[in-house]
Amino acid sequence: MILSLRISSFHTRTSPGRFFRRILRLLVPLLYCIRALQAAPRDYPLEHLSINEGVSQNTVFCIFQDRRGFMWFGTEDGLYRFDG
């Protein structure tokens, strides 16, 4: 059995529309990533708590924020709630 193939039926060149669609498929996700990085905050507001603010120790082992916004700090001496 002999199979004949037409070489002319295979396109070796891509059309300009197809080329631009491929470029857009690459650029659009890249632009979204760049935009997301620009939107990320760079400076976070920090507050330092120490013995002067009523915490019994400066060493904190765990931190948790509940639904009401309270921050809970676990130290060796116990659990402390901070409301800002």
PDB file of N, CA and C in Angstrom:
ATOM      1  N   MET A   1       0.833  -1.151   0.000  1.00  0.00           N
ATOM      2  CA  MET A   1       0.000   0.000   0.000  1.00  0.00           C
ATOM      3  C   MET A   1       0.894   1.235   0.000  1.00  0.00           C
ATOM      4  N   ILE A   2       0.600   2.160  -0.820  1.00  0.00           N
ATOM      5  CA  ILE A   2       1.383   3.387  -0.950  1.00  0.00           C
ATOM      6  C   ILE A   2       0.496   4.560  -0.548  1.00  0.00           C
ATOM      7  N   LEU A   3       1.030   5.372   0.344  1.00  0.00           N
ATOM      8  CA  LEU A   3       0.305   6.567   0.783  1.00  0.00           C
ATOM      9  C   LEU A   3       0.939   7.786   0.154  1.00  0.00           C
ATOM     10  N   SER A   4       0.124   8.638  -0.350  1.00  0.00           N
ATOM     11  CA  SER A   4       0.665   9.874  -0.917  1.00  0.00           C
ATOM     12  C   SER A   4       0.211  11.045  -0.058  1.00  0.00           C
ATOM     13  N   LEU A   5       1.131  11.908   0.228  1.00  0.00           N
ATOM     14  CA  LEU A   5       0.846  13.098   1.017  1.00  0.00           C
ATOM     15  C   LEU A   5       1.118  14.331   0.183  1.00  0.00           C
ATOM     16  N   ARG A   6       0.294  15.289   0.352  1.00  0.00           N
ATOM     17  CA  ARG A   6       0.541  16.547  -0.338  1.00  0.00           C
ATOM     18  C   ARG A   6       1.335  17.457   0.590  1.00  0.00           C
ATOM     19  N   ILE A   7       2.475  17.822   0.167  1.00  0.00           N
ATOM     20  CA  ILE A   7       3.311  18.716   0.954  1.00  0.00           C
ATOM     21  C   ILE A   7       2.679  20.102   1.009  1.00  0.00           C
ATOM     22  N   SER A   8       1.996  20.486  -0.028  1.00  0.00           N
ATOM     23  CA  SER A   8       1.421  21.828  -0.080  1.00  0.00           C
ATOM     24  C   SER A   8       0.286  22.012   0.928  1.00  0.00           C
ATOM     25  N   SER A   9      -0.267  20.920   1.444  1.00  0.00           N
ATOM     26  CA  SER A   9      -1.358  21.063   2.405  1.00  0.00           C
ATOM     27  C   SER A   9      -0.857  21.439   3.803  1.00  0.00           C
ATOM     28  N   PHE A  10       0.433  21.249   4.069  1.00  0.00           N
ATOM     29  CA  PHE A  10       1.011  21.638   5.347  1.00  0.00           C
ATOM     30  C   PHE A  10       1.513  23.068   5.248  1.00  0.00           C
ATOM     31  N   HIS A  11       1.050  23.893   6.157  1.00  0.00           N
ATOM     32  CA  HIS A  11       1.476  25.294   6.144  1.00  0.00           C
ATOM     33  C   HIS A  11       2.730  25.440   6.991  1.00  0.00           C
ATOM     34  N   THR A  12       3.757  25.909   6.388  1.00  0.00           N
ATOM     35  CA  THR A  12       4.991  26.122   7.130  1.00  0.00           C
ATOM     36  C   THR A  12       5.039  27.522   7.709  1.00  0.00           C
ATOM     37  N   ARG A  13       4.285  28.434   7.144  1.00  0.00           N
ATOM     38  CA  ARG A  13       4.246  29.801   7.659  1.00  0.00           C
ATOM     39  C   ARG A  13       2.942  30.012   8.412  1.00  0.00           C
ATOM     40  N   THR A  14       3.004  30.789   9.462  1.00  0.00           N
ATOM     41  CA  THR A  14       1.790  31.100  10.204  1.00  0.00           C
ATOM     42  C   THR A  14       1.248  32.434   9.731  1.00  0.00           C
ATOM     43  N   SER A  15      -0.037  32.583   9.798  1.00  0.00           N
ATOM     44  CA  SER A  15      -0.660  33.835   9.378  1.00  0.00           C
ATOM     45  C   SER A  15      -0.393  34.907  10.427  1.00  0.00           C
ATOM     46  N   PRO A  16      -0.422  36.173  10.033  1.00  0.00           N
ATOM     47  CA  PRO A  16      -0.162  37.252  11.004  1.00  0.00           C
ATOM     48  C   PRO A  16      -1.151  37.242  12.172  1.00  0.00           C
ATOM     49  N   GLY A  17      -2.415  36.943  11.920  1.00  0.00           N
ATOM     50  CA  GLY A  17      -3.399  36.898  13.001  1.00  0.00           C
ATOM     51  C   GLY A  17      -3.084  35.820  14.020  1.00  0.00           C
ATOM     52  N   ARG A  18      -2.659  34.692  13.541  1.00  0.00           N
ATOM     53  CA  ARG A  18      -2.312  33.576  14.431  1.00  0.00           C
ATOM     54  C   ARG A  18      -1.067  33.918  15.257  1.00  0.00           C
ATOM     55  N   PHE A  19      -0.119  34.584  14.632  1.00  0.00           N
ATOM     56  CA  PHE A  19       1.100  34.998  15.320  1.00  0.00           C
ATOM     57  C   PHE A  19       0.770  35.967  16.458  1.00  0.00           C
ATOM     58  N   PHE A  20      -0.077  36.960  16.187  1.00  0.00           N
ATOM     59  CA  PHE A  20      -0.426  37.939  17.212  1.00  0.00           C
ATOM     60  C   PHE A  20      -1.247  37.318  18.343  1.00  0.00           C
ATOM     61  N   ARG A  21      -2.076  36.335  18.035  1.00  0.00           N
ATOM     62  CA  ARG A  21      -2.817  35.637  19.094  1.00  0.00           C
ATOM     63  C   ARG A  21      -1.856  34.891  20.013  1.00  0.00           C
ATOM     64  N   ARG A  22      -0.837  34.294  19.443  1.00  0.00           N
ATOM     65  CA  ARG A  22       0.161  33.598  20.265  1.00  0.00           C
ATOM     66  C   ARG A  22       0.915  34.581  21.156  1.00  0.00           C
ATOM     67  N   ILE A  23       1.272  35.715  20.580  1.00  0.00           N
ATOM     68  CA  ILE A  23       1.969  36.740  21.363  1.00  0.00           C
ATOM     69  C   ILE A  23       1.079  37.224  22.505  1.00  0.00           C
ATOM     70  N   LEU A  24      -0.197  37.459  22.228  1.00  0.00           N
ATOM     71  CA  LEU A  24      -1.122  37.910  23.268  1.00  0.00           C
ATOM     72  C   LEU A  24      -1.290  36.867  24.364  1.00  0.00           C
ATOM     73  N   ARG A  25      -1.305  35.606  23.991  1.00  0.00           N
ATOM     74  CA  ARG A  25      -1.417  34.541  24.997  1.00  0.00           C
ATOM     75  C   ARG A  25      -0.216  34.527  25.936  1.00  0.00           C
ATOM     76  N   LEU A  26       0.909  35.001  25.472  1.00  0.00           N
ATOM     77  CA  LEU A  26       2.093  35.081  26.323  1.00  0.00           C
ATOM     78  C   LEU A  26       2.145  36.386  27.110  1.00  0.00           C
ATOM     79  N   LEU A  27       1.775  37.488  26.472  1.00  0.00           N
ATOM     80  CA  LEU A  27       1.919  38.794  27.104  1.00  0.00           C
ATOM     81  C   LEU A  27       0.854  39.090  28.154  1.00  0.00           C
ATOM     82  N   VAL A  28      -0.376  38.692  27.910  1.00  0.00           N
ATOM     83  CA  VAL A  28      -1.454  39.034  28.843  1.00  0.00           C
ATOM     84  C   VAL A  28      -1.196  38.458  30.237  1.00  0.00           C
ATOM     85  N   PRO A  29      -0.877  37.173  30.391  1.00  0.00           N
ATOM     86  CA  PRO A  29      -0.573  36.682  31.750  1.00  0.00           C
ATOM     87  C   PRO A  29       0.643  37.368  32.367  1.00  0.00           C
ATOM     88  N   LEU A  30       1.634  37.678  31.553  1.00  0.00           N
ATOM     89  CA  LEU A  30       2.814  38.367  32.056  1.00  0.00           C
ATOM     90  C   LEU A  30       2.450  39.753  32.580  1.00  0.00           C
ATOM     91  N   LEU A  31       1.609  40.476  31.849  1.00  0.00           N
ATOM     92  CA  LEU A  31       1.185  41.802  32.287  1.00  0.00           C
ATOM     93  C   LEU A  31       0.354  41.727  33.566  1.00  0.00           C
ATOM     94  N   TYR A  32      -0.487  40.707  33.693  1.00  0.00           N
ATOM     95  CA  TYR A  32      -1.253  40.534  34.928  1.00  0.00           C
ATOM     96  C   TYR A  32      -0.324  40.295  36.117  1.00  0.00           C
ATOM     97  N   CYS A  33       0.722  39.516  35.919  1.00  0.00           N
ATOM     98  CA  CYS A  33       1.673  39.254  37.001  1.00  0.00           C
ATOM     99  C   CYS A  33       2.409  40.526  37.404  1.00  0.00           C
ATOM    100  N   ILE A  34       2.831  41.295  36.430  1.00  0.00           N
ATOM    101  CA  ILE A  34       3.530  42.550  36.719  1.00  0.00           C
ATOM    102  C   ILE A  34       2.610  43.499  37.468  1.00  0.00           C
ATOM    103  N   ARG A  35       1.364  43.593  37.040  1.00  0.00           N
ATOM    104  CA  ARG A  35       0.395  44.479  37.692  1.00  0.00           C
ATOM    105  C   ARG A  35       0.125  44.030  39.125  1.00  0.00           C
ATOM    106  N   ALA A  36       0.037  42.740  39.349  1.00  0.00           N
ATOM    107  CA  ALA A  36      -0.202  42.228  40.702  1.00  0.00           C
ATOM    108  C   ALA A  36       0.974  42.546  41.620  1.00  0.00           C
ATOM    109  N   LEU A  37       2.186  42.471  41.102  1.00  0.00           N
ATOM    110  CA  LEU A  37       3.355  42.797  41.916  1.00  0.00           C
ATOM    111  C   LEU A  37       3.395  44.274  42.266  1.00  0.00           C
ATOM    112  N   GLN A  38       2.959  45.128  41.343  1.00  0.00           N
ATOM    113  CA  GLN A  38       2.935  46.559  41.614  1.00  0.00           C
ATOM    114  C   GLN A  38       1.871  46.909  42.643  1.00  0.00           C
ATOM    115  N   ALA A  39       0.776  46.162  42.669  1.00  0.00           N
ATOM    116  CA  ALA A  39      -0.323  46.456  43.583  1.00  0.00           C
ATOM    117  C   ALA A  39      -0.051  45.963  44.999  1.00  0.00           C
ATOM    118  N   ALA A  40       0.899  45.075  45.164  1.00  0.00           N
ATOM    119  CA  ALA A  40       1.195  44.531  46.492  1.00  0.00           C
ATOM    120  C   ALA A  40       1.809  45.616  47.373  1.00  0.00           C
ATOM    121  N   PRO A  41       1.329  45.740  48.606  1.00  0.00           N
ATOM    122  CA  PRO A  41       1.900  46.767  49.488  1.00  0.00           C
ATOM    123  C   PRO A  41       3.341  46.433  49.842  1.00  0.00           C
ATOM    124  N   ARG A  42       4.149  47.441  49.878  1.00  0.00           N
ATOM    125  CA  ARG A  42       5.568  47.241  50.151  1.00  0.00           C
ATOM    126  C   ARG A  42       5.896  47.450  51.634  1.00  0.00           C
ATOM    127  N   ASP A  43       5.198  48.368  52.278  1.00  0.00           N
ATOM    128  CA  ASP A  43       5.454  48.649  53.689  1.00  0.00           C
ATOM    129  C   ASP A  43       4.241  48.249  54.512  1.00  0.00           C
ATOM    130  N   TYR A  44       4.472  47.439  55.507  1.00  0.00           N
ATOM    131  CA  TYR A  44       3.407  47.008  56.394  1.00  0.00           C
ATOM    132  C   TYR A  44       3.517  47.789  57.700  1.00  0.00           C
ATOM    133  N   PRO A  45       2.389  48.292  58.208  1.00  0.00           N
ATOM    134  CA  PRO A  45       2.459  49.008  59.491  1.00  0.00           C
ATOM    135  C   PRO A  45       2.759  48.024  60.623  1.00  0.00           C
ATOM    136  N   LEU A  46       3.744  48.340  61.415  1.00  0.00           N
ATOM    137  CA  LEU A  46       4.147  47.469  62.520  1.00  0.00           C
ATOM    138  C   LEU A  46       4.031  48.216  63.836  1.00  0.00           C
ATOM    139  N   GLU A  47       3.627  47.500  64.849  1.00  0.00           N
ATOM    140  CA  GLU A  47       3.606  48.024  66.204  1.00  0.00           C
ATOM    141  C   GLU A  47       4.378  47.058  67.074  1.00  0.00           C
ATOM    142  N   HIS A  48       5.234  47.576  67.900  1.00  0.00           N
ATOM    143  CA  HIS A  48       6.041  46.730  68.774  1.00  0.00           C
ATOM    144  C   HIS A  48       5.424  46.713  70.164  1.00  0.00           C
ATOM    145  N   LEU A  49       5.224  45.530  70.685  1.00  0.00           N
ATOM    146  CA  LEU A  49       4.746  45.361  72.056  1.00  0.00           C
ATOM    147  C   LEU A  49       5.896  44.838  72.897  1.00  0.00           C
ATOM    148  N   SER A  50       5.996  45.364  74.089  1.00  0.00           N
ATOM    149  CA  SER A  50       7.061  44.919  74.984  1.00  0.00           C
ATOM    150  C   SER A  50       6.531  44.891  76.413  1.00  0.00           C
ATOM    151  N   ILE A  51       7.419  44.701  77.335  1.00  0.00           N
ATOM    152  CA  ILE A  51       7.050  44.665  78.746  1.00  0.00           C
ATOM    153  C   ILE A  51       6.410  45.992  79.156  1.00  0.00           C
ATOM    154  N   ASN A  52       6.805  47.083  78.534  1.00  0.00           N
ATOM    155  CA  ASN A  52       6.249  48.399  78.860  1.00  0.00           C
ATOM    156  C   ASN A  52       4.757  48.499  78.540  1.00  0.00           C
ATOM    157  N   GLU A  53       4.257  47.711  77.591  1.00  0.00           N
ATOM    158  CA  GLU A  53       2.838  47.735  77.221  1.00  0.00           C
ATOM    159  C   GLU A  53       2.016  46.698  77.987  1.00  0.00           C
ATOM    160  N   GLY A  54       2.604  46.000  78.919  1.00  0.00           N
ATOM    161  CA  GLY A  54       1.844  45.076  79.757  1.00  0.00           C
ATOM    162  C   GLY A  54       2.040  43.605  79.453  1.00  0.00           C
ATOM    163  N   VAL A  55       2.836  43.268  78.474  1.00  0.00           N
ATOM    164  CA  VAL A  55       3.116  41.862  78.174  1.00  0.00           C
ATOM    165  C   VAL A  55       4.191  41.394  79.148  1.00  0.00           C
ATOM    166  N   SER A  56       4.008  40.193  79.708  1.00  0.00           N
ATOM    167  CA  SER A  56       4.942  39.740  80.743  1.00  0.00           C
ATOM    168  C   SER A  56       6.307  39.337  80.193  1.00  0.00           C
ATOM    169  N   GLN A  57       6.366  39.008  78.902  1.00  0.00           N
ATOM    170  CA  GLN A  57       7.632  38.598  78.290  1.00  0.00           C
ATOM    171  C   GLN A  57       7.754  39.221  76.906  1.00  0.00           C
ATOM    172  N   ASN A  58       8.960  39.370  76.449  1.00  0.00           N
ATOM    173  CA  ASN A  58       9.191  39.845  75.085  1.00  0.00           C
ATOM    174  C   ASN A  58       9.213  38.703  74.078  1.00  0.00           C
ATOM    175  N   THR A  59       9.247  37.461  74.551  1.00  0.00           N
ATOM    176  CA  THR A  59       9.283  36.303  73.665  1.00  0.00           C
ATOM    177  C   THR A  59       7.866  35.794  73.434  1.00  0.00           C
ATOM    178  N   VAL A  60       7.437  35.778  72.160  1.00  0.00           N
ATOM    179  CA  VAL A  60       6.101  35.312  71.789  1.00  0.00           C
ATOM    180  C   VAL A  60       6.265  34.050  70.959  1.00  0.00           C
ATOM    181  N   PHE A  61       5.518  33.002  71.321  1.00  0.00           N
ATOM    182  CA  PHE A  61       5.626  31.723  70.624  1.00  0.00           C
ATOM    183  C   PHE A  61       4.602  31.560  69.504  1.00  0.00           C
ATOM    184  N   CYS A  62       3.429  32.196  69.642  1.00  0.00           N
ATOM    185  CA  CYS A  62       2.424  32.098  68.581  1.00  0.00           C
ATOM    186  C   CYS A  62       1.553  33.351  68.571  1.00  0.00           C
ATOM    187  N   ILE A  63       1.019  33.652  67.390  1.00  0.00           N
ATOM    188  CA  ILE A  63       0.157  34.817  67.188  1.00  0.00           C
ATOM    189  C   ILE A  63      -1.065  34.358  66.416  1.00  0.00           C
ATOM    190  N   PHE A  64      -2.241  34.878  66.821  1.00  0.00           N
ATOM    191  CA  PHE A  64      -3.490  34.527  66.152  1.00  0.00           C
ATOM    192  C   PHE A  64      -4.390  35.753  66.123  1.00  0.00           C
ATOM    193  N   GLN A  65      -5.116  35.939  65.007  1.00  0.00           N
ATOM    194  CA  GLN A  65      -6.105  37.010  64.923  1.00  0.00           C
ATOM    195  C   GLN A  65      -7.483  36.382  64.759  1.00  0.00           C
ATOM    196  N   ASP A  66      -8.425  36.751  65.638  1.00  0.00           N
ATOM    197  CA  ASP A  66      -9.765  36.167  65.567  1.00  0.00           C
ATOM    198  C   ASP A  66     -10.674  36.984  64.645  1.00  0.00           C
ATOM    199  N   ARG A  67     -11.932  36.558  64.537  1.00  0.00           N
ATOM    200  CA  ARG A  67     -12.882  37.202  63.622  1.00  0.00           C
ATOM    201  C   ARG A  67     -13.189  38.645  63.999  1.00  0.00           C
ATOM    202  N   ARG A  68     -13.089  38.955  65.263  1.00  0.00           N
ATOM    203  CA  ARG A  68     -13.393  40.314  65.723  1.00  0.00           C
ATOM    204  C   ARG A  68     -12.200  41.252  65.598  1.00  0.00           C
ATOM    205  N   GLY A  69     -11.067  40.738  65.165  1.00  0.00           N
ATOM    206  CA  GLY A  69      -9.891  41.578  64.956  1.00  0.00           C
ATOM    207  C   GLY A  69      -8.910  41.591  66.105  1.00  0.00           C
ATOM    208  N   PHE A  70      -9.217  40.884  67.187  1.00  0.00           N
ATOM    209  CA  PHE A  70      -8.288  40.834  68.309  1.00  0.00           C
ATOM    210  C   PHE A  70      -7.073  39.996  67.934  1.00  0.00           C
ATOM    211  N   MET A  71      -5.922  40.457  68.371  1.00  0.00           N
ATOM    212  CA  MET A  71      -4.686  39.700  68.194  1.00  0.00           C
ATOM    213  C   MET A  71      -4.397  38.981  69.509  1.00  0.00           C
ATOM    214  N   TRP A  72      -4.115  37.691  69.427  1.00  0.00           N
ATOM    215  CA  TRP A  72      -3.811  36.869  70.589  1.00  0.00           C
ATOM    216  C   TRP A  72      -2.347  36.445  70.509  1.00  0.00           C
ATOM    217  N   PHE A  73      -1.628  36.640  71.613  1.00  0.00           N
ATOM    218  CA  PHE A  73      -0.209  36.309  71.672  1.00  0.00           C
ATOM    219  C   PHE A  73       0.005  35.256  72.754  1.00  0.00           C
ATOM    220  N   GLY A  74       0.660  34.173  72.384  1.00  0.00           N
ATOM    221  CA  GLY A  74       0.973  33.120  73.347  1.00  0.00           C
ATOM    222  C   GLY A  74       2.413  33.229  73.795  1.00  0.00           C
ATOM    223  N   THR A  75       2.607  33.391  75.102  1.00  0.00           N
ATOM    224  CA  THR A  75       3.950  33.464  75.674  1.00  0.00           C
ATOM    225  C   THR A  75       4.119  32.317  76.666  1.00  0.00           C
ATOM    226  N   GLU A  76       5.266  32.251  77.259  1.00  0.00           N
ATOM    227  CA  GLU A  76       5.526  31.210  78.253  1.00  0.00           C
ATOM    228  C   GLU A  76       4.658  31.408  79.500  1.00  0.00           C
ATOM    229  N   ASP A  77       4.298  32.660  79.789  1.00  0.00           N
ATOM    230  CA  ASP A  77       3.492  32.961  80.978  1.00  0.00           C
ATOM    231  C   ASP A  77       1.994  32.897  80.735  1.00  0.00           C
ATOM    232  N   GLY A  78       1.562  32.821  79.499  1.00  0.00           N
ATOM    233  CA  GLY A  78       0.121  32.760  79.254  1.00  0.00           C
ATOM    234  C   GLY A  78      -0.277  33.372  77.924  1.00  0.00           C
ATOM    235  N   LEU A  79      -1.580  33.652  77.815  1.00  0.00           N
ATOM    236  CA  LEU A  79      -2.176  34.159  76.583  1.00  0.00           C
ATOM    237  C   LEU A  79      -2.579  35.616  76.791  1.00  0.00           C
ATOM    238  N   TYR A  80      -2.232  36.472  75.821  1.00  0.00           N
ATOM    239  CA  TYR A  80      -2.532  37.894  75.921  1.00  0.00           C
ATOM    240  C   TYR A  80      -3.335  38.328  74.713  1.00  0.00           C
ATOM    241  N   ARG A  81      -4.350  39.186  74.984  1.00  0.00           N
ATOM    242  CA  ARG A  81      -5.192  39.718  73.911  1.00  0.00           C
ATOM    243  C   ARG A  81      -4.824  41.178  73.682  1.00  0.00           C
ATOM    244  N   PHE A  82      -4.697  41.540  72.398  1.00  0.00           N
ATOM    245  CA  PHE A  82      -4.359  42.913  72.024  1.00  0.00           C
ATOM    246  C   PHE A  82      -5.435  43.413  71.078  1.00  0.00           C
ATOM    247  N   ASP A  83      -5.994  44.590  71.363  1.00  0.00           N
ATOM    248  CA  ASP A  83      -7.056  45.127  70.517  1.00  0.00           C
ATOM    249  C   ASP A  83      -6.635  46.378  69.758  1.00  0.00           C
ATOM    250  N   GLY A  84      -5.387  46.694  69.763  1.00  0.00           N
ATOM    251  CA  GLY A  84      -4.885  47.815  68.980  1.00  0.00           C
ATOM    252  C   GLY A  84      -4.909  49.067  69.753  1.00  0.00           C
TER     253      GLY A  84
END
